[in-house]
Amino acid sequence: MNEIIHGQVMFLLASLVCGMLLIVFYEPLRFLRCIFHHSKAVVCIEDILYWAAASIPVYMMFFYYNDGELRWYGFLMLIAGG
């Protein structure tokens, strides 16, 4: 039983840290947008590319810690980390 709980706690912590890292890597993009004016089309393309790239570590985290099962509390911790 302890192994199951330990695995789920590690999954929650990994989700939290992953959410924090996603925001840490998004902040320089927001900073550049404040310095240099981007059109709405460029902002849209940047966001699409960022989130497409960000989906890879999120998928890897879900696959590694939770055997690929999508759990609502994993997404909740991603958002809380952000």
C-alpha atoms as a PDB file:
ATOM      1  CA  MET A   1       0.000   0.000   0.000  1.00  0.00           C
ATOM      2  CA  ASN A   2       2.824   2.405   0.818  1.00  0.00           C
ATOM      3  CA  GLU A   3       4.293   1.952  -2.667  1.00  0.00           C
ATOM      4  CA  ILE A   4       1.003   2.977  -4.292  1.00  0.00           C
ATOM      5  CA  ILE A   5       0.694   6.081  -2.119  1.00  0.00           C
ATOM      6  CA  HIS A   6       4.358   6.934  -2.639  1.00  0.00           C
ATOM      7  CA  GLY A   7       3.918   6.637  -6.402  1.00  0.00           C
ATOM      8  CA  GLN A   8       0.891   8.924  -6.424  1.00  0.00           C
ATOM      9  CA  VAL A   9       2.594  11.508  -4.203  1.00  0.00           C
ATOM     10  CA  MET A  10       5.607  11.471  -6.545  1.00  0.00           C
ATOM     11  CA  PHE A  11       3.228  11.920  -9.481  1.00  0.00           C
ATOM     12  CA  LEU A  12       1.586  14.929  -7.797  1.00  0.00           C
ATOM     13  CA  LEU A  13       4.947  16.502  -6.999  1.00  0.00           C
ATOM     14  CA  ALA A  14       6.197  15.870 -10.531  1.00  0.00           C
ATOM     15  CA  SER A  15       3.033  17.485 -11.917  1.00  0.00           C
ATOM     16  CA  LEU A  16       3.520  20.500  -9.673  1.00  0.00           C
ATOM     17  CA  VAL A  17       7.176  20.912 -10.666  1.00  0.00           C
ATOM     18  CA  CYS A  18       6.337  20.405 -14.337  1.00  0.00           C
ATOM     19  CA  GLY A  19       3.744  23.185 -14.131  1.00  0.00           C
ATOM     20  CA  MET A  20       6.292  25.462 -12.477  1.00  0.00           C
ATOM     21  CA  LEU A  21       8.860  24.741 -15.179  1.00  0.00           C
ATOM     22  CA  LEU A  22       6.344  25.405 -17.933  1.00  0.00           C
ATOM     23  CA  ILE A  23       5.708  28.878 -16.539  1.00  0.00           C
ATOM     24  CA  VAL A  24       9.421  29.519 -15.956  1.00  0.00           C
ATOM     25  CA  PHE A  25      10.075  28.838 -19.640  1.00  0.00           C
ATOM     26  CA  TYR A  26       7.031  30.876 -20.725  1.00  0.00           C
ATOM     27  CA  GLU A  27       8.066  34.007 -18.812  1.00  0.00           C
ATOM     28  CA  PRO A  28      10.973  34.939 -21.147  1.00  0.00           C
ATOM     29  CA  LEU A  29       8.542  34.778 -24.053  1.00  0.00           C
ATOM     30  CA  ARG A  30       6.210  37.178 -22.228  1.00  0.00           C
ATOM     31  CA  PHE A  31       9.167  39.403 -21.369  1.00  0.00           C
ATOM     32  CA  LEU A  32      10.180  39.606 -25.035  1.00  0.00           C
ATOM     33  CA  ARG A  33       6.619  40.539 -25.922  1.00  0.00           C
ATOM     34  CA  CYS A  34       6.809  43.471 -23.517  1.00  0.00           C
ATOM     35  CA  ILE A  35      10.061  44.705 -25.044  1.00  0.00           C
ATOM     36  CA  PHE A  36       9.249  44.114 -28.714  1.00  0.00           C
ATOM     37  CA  HIS A  37       5.775  44.628 -30.095  1.00  0.00           C
ATOM     38  CA  HIS A  38       4.325  41.513 -31.721  1.00  0.00           C
ATOM     39  CA  SER A  39       1.248  41.382 -33.885  1.00  0.00           C
ATOM     40  CA  LYS A  40      -1.627  39.167 -32.773  1.00  0.00           C
ATOM     41  CA  ALA A  41      -0.790  36.650 -35.500  1.00  0.00           C
ATOM     42  CA  VAL A  42       2.813  36.336 -34.305  1.00  0.00           C
ATOM     43  CA  VAL A  43       1.686  35.971 -30.686  1.00  0.00           C
ATOM     44  CA  CYS A  44      -0.723  33.241 -31.749  1.00  0.00           C
ATOM     45  CA  ILE A  45       1.993  31.378 -33.653  1.00  0.00           C
ATOM     46  CA  GLU A  46       4.440  31.724 -30.741  1.00  0.00           C
ATOM     47  CA  ASP A  47       1.854  30.372 -28.314  1.00  0.00           C
ATOM     48  CA  ILE A  48       0.984  27.437 -30.554  1.00  0.00           C
ATOM     49  CA  LEU A  49       4.651  26.528 -30.939  1.00  0.00           C
ATOM     50  CA  TYR A  50       5.328  26.931 -27.220  1.00  0.00           C
ATOM     51  CA  TRP A  51       2.417  24.786 -26.113  1.00  0.00           C
ATOM     52  CA  ALA A  52       3.174  22.164 -28.758  1.00  0.00           C
ATOM     53  CA  ALA A  53       6.715  21.977 -27.402  1.00  0.00           C
ATOM     54  CA  ALA A  54       5.458  22.046 -23.788  1.00  0.00           C
ATOM     55  CA  SER A  55       3.166  19.090 -24.419  1.00  0.00           C
ATOM     56  CA  ILE A  56       6.189  16.810 -24.880  1.00  0.00           C
ATOM     57  CA  PRO A  57       7.546  17.011 -21.290  1.00  0.00           C
ATOM     58  CA  VAL A  58       3.985  16.892 -19.925  1.00  0.00           C
ATOM     59  CA  TYR A  59       3.311  13.704 -21.875  1.00  0.00           C
ATOM     60  CA  MET A  60       6.631  12.223 -20.756  1.00  0.00           C
ATOM     61  CA  MET A  61       5.851  13.063 -17.131  1.00  0.00           C
ATOM     62  CA  PHE A  62       2.405  11.446 -17.329  1.00  0.00           C
ATOM     63  CA  PHE A  63       3.866   8.408 -19.077  1.00  0.00           C
ATOM     64  CA  TYR A  64       6.755   7.949 -16.662  1.00  0.00           C
ATOM     65  CA  TYR A  65       4.999   8.572 -13.346  1.00  0.00           C
ATOM     66  CA  ASN A  66       1.483   7.360 -14.129  1.00  0.00           C
ATOM     67  CA  ASP A  67       1.916   4.830 -16.945  1.00  0.00           C
ATOM     68  CA  GLY A  68       0.253   7.187 -19.390  1.00  0.00           C
ATOM     69  CA  GLU A  69      -3.003   7.450 -17.470  1.00  0.00           C
ATOM     70  CA  LEU A  70      -4.498  10.915 -17.513  1.00  0.00           C
ATOM     71  CA  ARG A  71      -5.729  11.881 -14.070  1.00  0.00           C
ATOM     72  CA  TRP A  72      -7.653  15.046 -13.285  1.00  0.00           C
ATOM     73  CA  TYR A  73      -5.549  15.796 -10.220  1.00  0.00           C
ATOM     74  CA  GLY A  74      -2.412  15.654 -12.386  1.00  0.00           C
ATOM     75  CA  PHE A  75      -3.797  18.425 -14.557  1.00  0.00           C
ATOM     76  CA  LEU A  76      -4.908  20.293 -11.450  1.00  0.00           C
ATOM     77  CA  MET A  77      -1.353  20.176 -10.089  1.00  0.00           C
ATOM     78  CA  LEU A  78       0.026  21.352 -13.448  1.00  0.00           C
ATOM     79  CA  ILE A  79      -2.235  24.376 -13.244  1.00  0.00           C
ATOM     80  CA  ALA A  80      -1.429  24.931  -9.559  1.00  0.00           C
ATOM     81  CA  GLY A  81       2.280  24.803 -10.361  1.00  0.00           C
ATOM     82  CA  GLY A  82       1.787  27.466 -12.997  1.00  0.00           C
END
